[in-house]
mmCIF file of all heavy atoms, coordinates in Angstrom:
data_MODEL
# 
_entry.id   MODEL 
# 
loop_
_atom_site.group_PDB 
_atom_site.id 
_atom_site.type_symbol 
_atom_site.label_atom_id 
_atom_site.label_alt_id 
_atom_site.label_comp_id 
_atom_site.label_asym_id 
_atom_site.label_entity_id 
_atom_site.label_seq_id 
_atom_site.pdbx_PDB_ins_code 
_atom_site.Cartn_x 
_atom_site.Cartn_y 
_atom_site.Cartn_z 
_atom_site.occupancy 
_atom_site.B_iso_or_equiv 
_atom_site.pdbx_formal_charge 
_atom_site.auth_seq_id 
_atom_site.auth_comp_id 
_atom_site.auth_asym_id 
_atom_site.auth_atom_id 
_atom_site.pdbx_PDB_model_num 
ATOM 1   N N   . GLN A 1 1  ? 11.537 -4.583  0.684   1.00 0.00 ? 1  GLN A N   1 
ATOM 2   C CA  . GLN A 1 1  ? 11.971 -4.697  -0.698  1.00 0.00 ? 1  GLN A CA  1 
ATOM 3   C C   . GLN A 1 1  ? 12.791 -6.028  -0.805  1.00 0.00 ? 1  GLN A C   1 
ATOM 4   O O   . GLN A 1 1  ? 12.573 -6.791  -1.756  1.00 0.00 ? 1  GLN A O   1 
ATOM 5   C CB  . GLN A 1 1  ? 12.825 -3.612  -1.146  1.00 0.00 ? 1  GLN A CB  1 
ATOM 6   C CG  . GLN A 1 1  ? 12.071 -2.310  -1.346  1.00 0.00 ? 1  GLN A CG  1 
ATOM 7   C CD  . GLN A 1 1  ? 12.959 -1.036  -1.612  1.00 0.00 ? 1  GLN A CD  1 
ATOM 8   O OE1 . GLN A 1 1  ? 14.147 -1.048  -1.347  1.00 0.00 ? 1  GLN A OE1 1 
ATOM 9   N NE2 . GLN A 1 1  ? 12.394 -0.055  -2.220  1.00 0.00 ? 1  GLN A NE2 1 
ATOM 10  N N   . GLN A 1 2  ? 13.518 -6.327  0.219   1.00 0.00 ? 2  GLN A N   1 
ATOM 11  C CA  . GLN A 1 2  ? 14.272 -7.589  0.261   1.00 0.00 ? 2  GLN A CA  1 
ATOM 12  C C   . GLN A 1 2  ? 13.394 -8.833  0.217   1.00 0.00 ? 2  GLN A C   1 
ATOM 13  O O   . GLN A 1 2  ? 13.592 -9.794  -0.573  1.00 0.00 ? 2  GLN A O   1 
ATOM 14  C CB  . GLN A 1 2  ? 15.136 -7.644  1.545   1.00 0.00 ? 2  GLN A CB  1 
ATOM 15  C CG  . GLN A 1 2  ? 16.151 -8.744  1.616   1.00 0.00 ? 2  GLN A CG  1 
ATOM 16  C CD  . GLN A 1 2  ? 17.278 -8.586  0.602   1.00 0.00 ? 2  GLN A CD  1 
ATOM 17  O OE1 . GLN A 1 2  ? 17.705 -7.486  0.344   1.00 0.00 ? 2  GLN A OE1 1 
ATOM 18  N NE2 . GLN A 1 2  ? 17.693 -9.696  0.045   1.00 0.00 ? 2  GLN A NE2 1 
ATOM 19  N N   . LYS A 1 3  ? 12.365 -8.847  1.065   1.00 0.00 ? 3  LYS A N   1 
ATOM 20  C CA  . LYS A 1 3  ? 11.467 -9.995  1.133   1.00 0.00 ? 3  LYS A CA  1 
ATOM 21  C C   . LYS A 1 3  ? 10.670 -10.165 -0.122  1.00 0.00 ? 3  LYS A C   1 
ATOM 22  O O   . LYS A 1 3  ? 10.430 -11.242 -0.613  1.00 0.00 ? 3  LYS A O   1 
ATOM 23  C CB  . LYS A 1 3  ? 10.558 -9.878  2.370   1.00 0.00 ? 3  LYS A CB  1 
ATOM 24  C CG  . LYS A 1 3  ? 11.232 -10.026 3.702   1.00 0.00 ? 3  LYS A CG  1 
ATOM 25  C CD  . LYS A 1 3  ? 11.665 -11.490 3.906   1.00 0.00 ? 3  LYS A CD  1 
ATOM 26  C CE  . LYS A 1 3  ? 12.338 -11.613 5.322   1.00 0.00 ? 3  LYS A CE  1 
ATOM 27  N NZ  . LYS A 1 3  ? 13.032 -12.855 5.416   1.00 0.00 ? 3  LYS A NZ  1 
ATOM 28  N N   . PHE A 1 4  ? 10.193 -9.008  -0.651  1.00 0.00 ? 4  PHE A N   1 
ATOM 29  C CA  . PHE A 1 4  ? 9.426  -8.996  -1.893  1.00 0.00 ? 4  PHE A CA  1 
ATOM 30  C C   . PHE A 1 4  ? 10.285 -9.623  -3.021  1.00 0.00 ? 4  PHE A C   1 
ATOM 31  O O   . PHE A 1 4  ? 9.896  -10.480 -3.771  1.00 0.00 ? 4  PHE A O   1 
ATOM 32  C CB  . PHE A 1 4  ? 9.011  -7.601  -2.256  1.00 0.00 ? 4  PHE A CB  1 
ATOM 33  C CG  . PHE A 1 4  ? 8.109  -7.542  -3.395  1.00 0.00 ? 4  PHE A CG  1 
ATOM 34  C CD1 . PHE A 1 4  ? 6.691  -7.473  -3.251  1.00 0.00 ? 4  PHE A CD1 1 
ATOM 35  C CD2 . PHE A 1 4  ? 8.563  -7.347  -4.697  1.00 0.00 ? 4  PHE A CD2 1 
ATOM 36  C CE1 . PHE A 1 4  ? 5.817  -7.379  -4.309  1.00 0.00 ? 4  PHE A CE1 1 
ATOM 37  C CE2 . PHE A 1 4  ? 7.674  -7.261  -5.766  1.00 0.00 ? 4  PHE A CE2 1 
ATOM 38  C CZ  . PHE A 1 4  ? 6.346  -7.269  -5.590  1.00 0.00 ? 4  PHE A CZ  1 
ATOM 39  N N   . GLY A 1 5  ? 11.560 -9.171  -3.068  1.00 0.00 ? 5  GLY A N   1 
ATOM 40  C CA  . GLY A 1 5  ? 12.428 -9.675  -4.113  1.00 0.00 ? 5  GLY A CA  1 
ATOM 41  C C   . GLY A 1 5  ? 12.695 -11.137 -3.944  1.00 0.00 ? 5  GLY A C   1 
ATOM 42  O O   . GLY A 1 5  ? 12.759 -11.910 -4.923  1.00 0.00 ? 5  GLY A O   1 
ATOM 43  N N   . GLU A 1 6  ? 12.955 -11.557 -2.706  1.00 0.00 ? 6  GLU A N   1 
ATOM 44  C CA  . GLU A 1 6  ? 13.201 -12.981 -2.467  1.00 0.00 ? 6  GLU A CA  1 
ATOM 45  C C   . GLU A 1 6  ? 12.094 -13.899 -2.957  1.00 0.00 ? 6  GLU A C   1 
ATOM 46  O O   . GLU A 1 6  ? 12.364 -15.008 -3.567  1.00 0.00 ? 6  GLU A O   1 
ATOM 47  C CB  . GLU A 1 6  ? 13.454 -13.246 -0.943  1.00 0.00 ? 6  GLU A CB  1 
ATOM 48  C CG  . GLU A 1 6  ? 14.807 -12.789 -0.454  1.00 0.00 ? 6  GLU A CG  1 
ATOM 49  C CD  . GLU A 1 6  ? 14.845 -12.894 1.061   1.00 0.00 ? 6  GLU A CD  1 
ATOM 50  O OE1 . GLU A 1 6  ? 13.981 -13.474 1.709   1.00 0.00 ? 6  GLU A OE1 1 
ATOM 51  O OE2 . GLU A 1 6  ? 15.902 -12.402 1.573   1.00 0.00 ? 6  GLU A OE2 1 
ATOM 52  N N   . ARG A 1 7  ? 10.880 -13.443 -2.828  1.00 0.00 ? 7  ARG A N   1 
ATOM 53  C CA  . ARG A 1 7  ? 9.669  -14.276 -3.254  1.00 0.00 ? 7  ARG A CA  1 
ATOM 54  C C   . ARG A 1 7  ? 9.668  -14.376 -4.742  1.00 0.00 ? 7  ARG A C   1 
ATOM 55  O O   . ARG A 1 7  ? 9.120  -15.411 -5.186  1.00 0.00 ? 7  ARG A O   1 
ATOM 56  C CB  . ARG A 1 7  ? 8.416  -13.577 -2.762  1.00 0.00 ? 7  ARG A CB  1 
ATOM 57  C CG  . ARG A 1 7  ? 8.273  -13.476 -1.214  1.00 0.00 ? 7  ARG A CG  1 
ATOM 58  C CD  . ARG A 1 7  ? 7.413  -14.571 -0.588  1.00 0.00 ? 7  ARG A CD  1 
ATOM 59  N NE  . ARG A 1 7  ? 6.017  -14.781 -1.213  1.00 0.00 ? 7  ARG A NE  1 
ATOM 60  C CZ  . ARG A 1 7  ? 4.899  -14.305 -0.687  1.00 0.00 ? 7  ARG A CZ  1 
ATOM 61  N NH1 . ARG A 1 7  ? 4.945  -13.515 0.421   1.00 0.00 ? 7  ARG A NH1 1 
ATOM 62  N NH2 . ARG A 1 7  ? 3.778  -14.544 -1.235  1.00 0.00 ? 7  ARG A NH2 1 
ATOM 63  N N   . ILE A 1 8  ? 10.216 -13.517 -5.496  1.00 0.00 ? 8  ILE A N   1 
ATOM 64  C CA  . ILE A 1 8  ? 10.243 -13.637 -6.962  1.00 0.00 ? 8  ILE A CA  1 
ATOM 65  C C   . ILE A 1 8  ? 11.562 -13.883 -7.556  1.00 0.00 ? 8  ILE A C   1 
ATOM 66  O O   . ILE A 1 8  ? 11.752 -13.857 -8.774  1.00 0.00 ? 8  ILE A O   1 
ATOM 67  C CB  . ILE A 1 8  ? 9.586  -12.406 -7.622  1.00 0.00 ? 8  ILE A CB  1 
ATOM 68  C CG1 . ILE A 1 8  ? 10.346 -11.135 -7.293  1.00 0.00 ? 8  ILE A CG1 1 
ATOM 69  C CG2 . ILE A 1 8  ? 8.014  -12.338 -7.257  1.00 0.00 ? 8  ILE A CG2 1 
ATOM 70  C CD1 . ILE A 1 8  ? 9.845  -9.919  -8.140  1.00 0.00 ? 8  ILE A CD1 1 
ATOM 71  N N   . GLY A 1 9  ? 12.601 -13.951 -6.682  1.00 0.00 ? 9  GLY A N   1 
ATOM 72  C CA  . GLY A 1 9  ? 13.926 -14.380 -7.180  1.00 0.00 ? 9  GLY A CA  1 
ATOM 73  C C   . GLY A 1 9  ? 14.742 -13.255 -7.730  1.00 0.00 ? 9  GLY A C   1 
ATOM 74  O O   . GLY A 1 9  ? 15.626 -13.482 -8.542  1.00 0.00 ? 9  GLY A O   1 
ATOM 75  N N   . VAL A 1 10 ? 14.540 -12.002 -7.181  1.00 0.00 ? 10 VAL A N   1 
ATOM 76  C CA  . VAL A 1 10 ? 15.413 -10.840 -7.564  1.00 0.00 ? 10 VAL A CA  1 
ATOM 77  C C   . VAL A 1 10 ? 15.918 -10.179 -6.312  1.00 0.00 ? 10 VAL A C   1 
ATOM 78  O O   . VAL A 1 10 ? 15.363 -10.401 -5.203  1.00 0.00 ? 10 VAL A O   1 
ATOM 79  C CB  . VAL A 1 10 ? 14.697 -9.860  -8.497  1.00 0.00 ? 10 VAL A CB  1 
ATOM 80  C CG1 . VAL A 1 10 ? 14.254 -10.481 -9.864  1.00 0.00 ? 10 VAL A CG1 1 
ATOM 81  C CG2 . VAL A 1 10 ? 13.513 -9.207  -7.811  1.00 0.00 ? 10 VAL A CG2 1 
ATOM 82  N N   . LYS A 1 11 ? 16.969 -9.444  -6.457  1.00 0.00 ? 11 LYS A N   1 
ATOM 83  C CA  . LYS A 1 11 ? 17.520 -8.758  -5.258  1.00 0.00 ? 11 LYS A CA  1 
ATOM 84  C C   . LYS A 1 11 ? 16.615 -7.611  -4.828  1.00 0.00 ? 11 LYS A C   1 
ATOM 85  O O   . LYS A 1 11 ? 15.934 -7.033  -5.569  1.00 0.00 ? 11 LYS A O   1 
ATOM 86  C CB  . LYS A 1 11 ? 18.900 -8.297  -5.661  1.00 0.00 ? 11 LYS A CB  1 
ATOM 87  C CG  . LYS A 1 11 ? 19.946 -9.323  -5.868  1.00 0.00 ? 11 LYS A CG  1 
ATOM 88  C CD  . LYS A 1 11 ? 21.308 -8.746  -6.102  1.00 0.00 ? 11 LYS A CD  1 
ATOM 89  C CE  . LYS A 1 11 ? 22.413 -9.673  -6.385  1.00 0.00 ? 11 LYS A CE  1 
ATOM 90  N NZ  . LYS A 1 11 ? 22.371 -11.046 -6.196  1.00 0.00 ? 11 LYS A NZ  1 
ATOM 91  N N   . GLY A 1 12 ? 16.768 -7.270  -3.545  1.00 0.00 ? 12 GLY A N   1 
ATOM 92  C CA  . GLY A 1 12 ? 16.058 -6.152  -2.937  1.00 0.00 ? 12 GLY A CA  1 
ATOM 93  C C   . GLY A 1 12 ? 16.366 -4.850  -3.597  1.00 0.00 ? 12 GLY A C   1 
ATOM 94  O O   . GLY A 1 12 ? 15.424 -4.026  -3.832  1.00 0.00 ? 12 GLY A O   1 
ATOM 95  N N   . ASN A 1 13 ? 17.629 -4.689  -3.992  1.00 0.00 ? 13 ASN A N   1 
ATOM 96  C CA  . ASN A 1 13 ? 18.003 -3.403  -4.611  1.00 0.00 ? 13 ASN A CA  1 
ATOM 97  C C   . ASN A 1 13 ? 17.395 -3.283  -6.074  1.00 0.00 ? 13 ASN A C   1 
ATOM 98  O O   . ASN A 1 13 ? 17.213 -2.183  -6.580  1.00 0.00 ? 13 ASN A O   1 
ATOM 99  C CB  . ASN A 1 13 ? 19.525 -3.119  -4.606  1.00 0.00 ? 13 ASN A CB  1 
ATOM 100 C CG  . ASN A 1 13 ? 20.236 -4.112  -5.366  1.00 0.00 ? 13 ASN A CG  1 
ATOM 101 O OD1 . ASN A 1 13 ? 19.792 -5.224  -5.673  1.00 0.00 ? 13 ASN A OD1 1 
ATOM 102 N ND2 . ASN A 1 13 ? 21.496 -3.798  -5.761  1.00 0.00 ? 13 ASN A ND2 1 
ATOM 103 N N   . THR A 1 14 ? 17.057 -4.437  -6.662  1.00 0.00 ? 14 THR A N   1 
ATOM 104 C CA  . THR A 1 14 ? 16.395 -4.382  -7.959  1.00 0.00 ? 14 THR A CA  1 
ATOM 105 C C   . THR A 1 14 ? 15.009 -3.875  -7.818  1.00 0.00 ? 14 THR A C   1 
ATOM 106 O O   . THR A 1 14 ? 14.487 -3.063  -8.553  1.00 0.00 ? 14 THR A O   1 
ATOM 107 C CB  . THR A 1 14 ? 16.430 -5.754  -8.613  1.00 0.00 ? 14 THR A CB  1 
ATOM 108 O OG1 . THR A 1 14 ? 17.724 -6.328  -8.735  1.00 0.00 ? 14 THR A OG1 1 
ATOM 109 C CG2 . THR A 1 14 ? 15.685 -5.835  -9.942  1.00 0.00 ? 14 THR A CG2 1 
ATOM 110 N N   . ILE A 1 15 ? 14.328 -4.354  -6.706  1.00 0.00 ? 15 ILE A N   1 
ATOM 111 C CA  . ILE A 1 15 ? 13.002 -3.848  -6.420  1.00 0.00 ? 15 ILE A CA  1 
ATOM 112 C C   . ILE A 1 15 ? 13.061 -2.352  -6.143  1.00 0.00 ? 15 ILE A C   1 
ATOM 113 O O   . ILE A 1 15 ? 12.170 -1.595  -6.662  1.00 0.00 ? 15 ILE A O   1 
ATOM 114 C CB  . ILE A 1 15 ? 12.388 -4.574  -5.164  1.00 0.00 ? 15 ILE A CB  1 
ATOM 115 C CG1 . ILE A 1 15 ? 12.291 -6.089  -5.457  1.00 0.00 ? 15 ILE A CG1 1 
ATOM 116 C CG2 . ILE A 1 15 ? 11.066 -4.031  -4.752  1.00 0.00 ? 15 ILE A CG2 1 
ATOM 117 C CD1 . ILE A 1 15 ? 11.432 -6.532  -6.610  1.00 0.00 ? 15 ILE A CD1 1 
ATOM 118 N N   . ALA A 1 16 ? 14.081 -1.881  -5.430  1.00 0.00 ? 16 ALA A N   1 
ATOM 119 C CA  . ALA A 1 16 ? 14.227 -0.443  -5.150  1.00 0.00 ? 16 ALA A CA  1 
ATOM 120 C C   . ALA A 1 16 ? 14.358 0.308   -6.452  1.00 0.00 ? 16 ALA A C   1 
ATOM 121 O O   . ALA A 1 16 ? 13.696 1.416   -6.645  1.00 0.00 ? 16 ALA A O   1 
ATOM 122 C CB  . ALA A 1 16 ? 15.441 -0.243  -4.268  1.00 0.00 ? 16 ALA A CB  1 
ATOM 123 N N   . GLN A 1 17 ? 15.132 -0.244  -7.453  1.00 0.00 ? 17 GLN A N   1 
ATOM 124 C CA  . GLN A 1 17 ? 15.239 0.469   -8.735  1.00 0.00 ? 17 GLN A CA  1 
ATOM 125 C C   . GLN A 1 17 ? 13.941 0.580   -9.468  1.00 0.00 ? 17 GLN A C   1 
ATOM 126 O O   . GLN A 1 17 ? 13.613 1.534   -10.120 1.00 0.00 ? 17 GLN A O   1 
ATOM 127 C CB  . GLN A 1 17 ? 16.307 -0.301  -9.590  1.00 0.00 ? 17 GLN A CB  1 
ATOM 128 C CG  . GLN A 1 17 ? 17.693 -0.281  -9.057  1.00 0.00 ? 17 GLN A CG  1 
ATOM 129 C CD  . GLN A 1 17 ? 18.318 1.123   -8.928  1.00 0.00 ? 17 GLN A CD  1 
ATOM 130 O OE1 . GLN A 1 17 ? 18.211 1.961   -9.793  1.00 0.00 ? 17 GLN A OE1 1 
ATOM 131 N NE2 . GLN A 1 17 ? 18.820 1.370   -7.739  1.00 0.00 ? 17 GLN A NE2 1 
ATOM 132 N N   . TYR A 1 18 ? 13.173 -0.530  -9.417  1.00 0.00 ? 18 TYR A N   1 
ATOM 133 C CA  . TYR A 1 18 ? 11.820 -0.517  -10.038 1.00 0.00 ? 18 TYR A CA  1 
ATOM 134 C C   . TYR A 1 18 ? 10.925 0.587   -9.325  1.00 0.00 ? 18 TYR A C   1 
ATOM 135 O O   . TYR A 1 18 ? 10.291 1.349   -10.028 1.00 0.00 ? 18 TYR A O   1 
ATOM 136 C CB  . TYR A 1 18 ? 11.116 -1.843  -9.869  1.00 0.00 ? 18 TYR A CB  1 
ATOM 137 C CG  . TYR A 1 18 ? 11.717 -3.004  -10.583 1.00 0.00 ? 18 TYR A CG  1 
ATOM 138 C CD1 . TYR A 1 18 ? 11.423 -4.308  -10.172 1.00 0.00 ? 18 TYR A CD1 1 
ATOM 139 C CD2 . TYR A 1 18 ? 12.570 -2.836  -11.750 1.00 0.00 ? 18 TYR A CD2 1 
ATOM 140 C CE1 . TYR A 1 18 ? 12.017 -5.440  -10.797 1.00 0.00 ? 18 TYR A CE1 1 
ATOM 141 C CE2 . TYR A 1 18 ? 13.187 -3.922  -12.341 1.00 0.00 ? 18 TYR A CE2 1 
ATOM 142 C CZ  . TYR A 1 18 ? 12.859 -5.193  -11.903 1.00 0.00 ? 18 TYR A CZ  1 
ATOM 143 O OH  . TYR A 1 18 ? 13.382 -6.283  -12.582 1.00 0.00 ? 18 TYR A OH  1 
ATOM 144 N N   . GLU A 1 19 ? 10.967 0.605   -8.068  1.00 0.00 ? 19 GLU A N   1 
ATOM 145 C CA  . GLU A 1 19 ? 10.081 1.551   -7.358  1.00 0.00 ? 19 GLU A CA  1 
ATOM 146 C C   . GLU A 1 19 ? 10.486 3.003   -7.548  1.00 0.00 ? 19 GLU A C   1 
ATOM 147 O O   . GLU A 1 19 ? 9.690  3.923   -7.518  1.00 0.00 ? 19 GLU A O   1 
ATOM 148 C CB  . GLU A 1 19 ? 10.078 1.204   -5.818  1.00 0.00 ? 19 GLU A CB  1 
ATOM 149 C CG  . GLU A 1 19 ? 9.296  -0.053  -5.459  1.00 0.00 ? 19 GLU A CG  1 
ATOM 150 C CD  . GLU A 1 19 ? 9.284  -0.348  -3.983  1.00 0.00 ? 19 GLU A CD  1 
ATOM 151 O OE1 . GLU A 1 19 ? 9.725  0.482   -3.223  1.00 0.00 ? 19 GLU A OE1 1 
ATOM 152 O OE2 . GLU A 1 19 ? 8.737  -1.418  -3.631  1.00 0.00 ? 19 GLU A OE2 1 
ATOM 153 N N   . LEU A 1 20 ? 11.773 3.237   -7.723  1.00 0.00 ? 20 LEU A N   1 
ATOM 154 C CA  . LEU A 1 20 ? 12.280 4.617   -8.042  1.00 0.00 ? 20 LEU A CA  1 
ATOM 155 C C   . LEU A 1 20 ? 11.972 4.985   -9.448  1.00 0.00 ? 20 LEU A C   1 
ATOM 156 O O   . LEU A 1 20 ? 12.129 6.135   -9.740  1.00 0.00 ? 20 LEU A O   1 
ATOM 157 C CB  . LEU A 1 20 ? 13.708 4.686   -7.730  1.00 0.00 ? 20 LEU A CB  1 
ATOM 158 C CG  . LEU A 1 20 ? 14.066 4.634   -6.223  1.00 0.00 ? 20 LEU A CG  1 
ATOM 159 C CD1 . LEU A 1 20 ? 15.617 4.455   -6.010  1.00 0.00 ? 20 LEU A CD1 1 
ATOM 160 C CD2 . LEU A 1 20 ? 13.607 5.833   -5.439  1.00 0.00 ? 20 LEU A CD2 1 
ATOM 161 N N   . GLY A 1 21 ? 11.658 4.003   -10.331 1.00 0.00 ? 21 GLY A N   1 
ATOM 162 C CA  . GLY A 1 21 ? 11.390 4.306   -11.661 1.00 0.00 ? 21 GLY A CA  1 
ATOM 163 C C   . GLY A 1 21 ? 12.636 4.331   -12.573 1.00 0.00 ? 21 GLY A C   1 
ATOM 164 O O   . GLY A 1 21 ? 12.564 4.739   -13.723 1.00 0.00 ? 21 GLY A O   1 
ATOM 165 N N   . ARG A 1 22 ? 13.786 3.892   -12.018 1.00 0.00 ? 22 ARG A N   1 
ATOM 166 C CA  . ARG A 1 22 ? 15.059 3.896   -12.697 1.00 0.00 ? 22 ARG A CA  1 
ATOM 167 C C   . ARG A 1 22 ? 15.078 2.752   -13.749 1.00 0.00 ? 22 ARG A C   1 
ATOM 168 O O   . ARG A 1 22 ? 15.687 2.885   -14.809 1.00 0.00 ? 22 ARG A O   1 
ATOM 169 C CB  . ARG A 1 22 ? 16.237 3.776   -11.787 1.00 0.00 ? 22 ARG A CB  1 
ATOM 170 C CG  . ARG A 1 22 ? 16.396 5.016   -10.945 1.00 0.00 ? 22 ARG A CG  1 
ATOM 171 C CD  . ARG A 1 22 ? 17.697 5.016   -10.173 1.00 0.00 ? 22 ARG A CD  1 
ATOM 172 N NE  . ARG A 1 22 ? 17.843 6.171   -9.351  1.00 0.00 ? 22 ARG A NE  1 
ATOM 173 C CZ  . ARG A 1 22 ? 18.306 6.265   -8.143  1.00 0.00 ? 22 ARG A CZ  1 
ATOM 174 N NH1 . ARG A 1 22 ? 18.735 5.091   -7.629  1.00 0.00 ? 22 ARG A NH1 1 
ATOM 175 N NH2 . ARG A 1 22 ? 18.452 7.299   -7.504  1.00 0.00 ? 22 ARG A NH2 1 
ATOM 176 N N   . ASN A 1 23 ? 14.416 1.628   -13.395 1.00 0.00 ? 23 ASN A N   1 
ATOM 177 C CA  . ASN A 1 23 ? 14.424 0.416   -14.286 1.00 0.00 ? 23 ASN A CA  1 
ATOM 178 C C   . ASN A 1 23 ? 12.944 -0.015  -14.371 1.00 0.00 ? 23 ASN A C   1 
ATOM 179 O O   . ASN A 1 23 ? 12.139 0.200   -13.455 1.00 0.00 ? 23 ASN A O   1 
ATOM 180 C CB  . ASN A 1 23 ? 15.225 -0.694  -13.698 1.00 0.00 ? 23 ASN A CB  1 
ATOM 181 C CG  . ASN A 1 23 ? 16.683 -0.402  -13.748 1.00 0.00 ? 23 ASN A CG  1 
ATOM 182 O OD1 . ASN A 1 23 ? 17.193 0.352   -14.483 1.00 0.00 ? 23 ASN A OD1 1 
ATOM 183 N ND2 . ASN A 1 23 ? 17.423 -1.056  -12.923 1.00 0.00 ? 23 ASN A ND2 1 
ATOM 184 N N   . GLU A 1 24 ? 12.634 -0.604  -15.453 1.00 0.00 ? 24 GLU A N   1 
ATOM 185 C CA  . GLU A 1 24 ? 11.320 -1.131  -15.661 1.00 0.00 ? 24 GLU A CA  1 
ATOM 186 C C   . GLU A 1 24 ? 11.401 -2.706  -15.700 1.00 0.00 ? 24 GLU A C   1 
ATOM 187 O O   . GLU A 1 24 ? 12.307 -3.236  -16.342 1.00 0.00 ? 24 GLU A O   1 
ATOM 188 C CB  . GLU A 1 24 ? 10.791 -0.652  -17.074 1.00 0.00 ? 24 GLU A CB  1 
ATOM 189 C CG  . GLU A 1 24 ? 9.358  -0.951  -17.350 1.00 0.00 ? 24 GLU A CG  1 
ATOM 190 C CD  . GLU A 1 24 ? 8.437  0.126   -16.805 1.00 0.00 ? 24 GLU A CD  1 
ATOM 191 O OE1 . GLU A 1 24 ? 8.887  1.070   -16.224 1.00 0.00 ? 24 GLU A OE1 1 
ATOM 192 O OE2 . GLU A 1 24 ? 7.227  -0.071  -16.933 1.00 0.00 ? 24 GLU A OE2 1 
ATOM 193 N N   . PRO A 1 25 ? 10.550 -3.357  -14.887 1.00 0.00 ? 25 PRO A N   1 
ATOM 194 C CA  . PRO A 1 25 ? 10.686 -4.775  -14.894 1.00 0.00 ? 25 PRO A CA  1 
ATOM 195 C C   . PRO A 1 25 ? 10.313 -5.428  -16.230 1.00 0.00 ? 25 PRO A C   1 
ATOM 196 O O   . PRO A 1 25 ? 9.400  -4.915  -16.966 1.00 0.00 ? 25 PRO A O   1 
ATOM 197 C CB  . PRO A 1 25 ? 9.671  -5.237  -13.813 1.00 0.00 ? 25 PRO A CB  1 
ATOM 198 C CG  . PRO A 1 25 ? 8.795  -4.068  -13.563 1.00 0.00 ? 25 PRO A CG  1 
ATOM 199 C CD  . PRO A 1 25 ? 9.492  -2.820  -13.965 1.00 0.00 ? 25 PRO A CD  1 
# 
């Protein structure tokens, strides 16, 4: 999640929130 986020300029925990369905990109 960290590396994925770094590639697009967002934090790893933001990616985690997207994957959990808590937030929508």
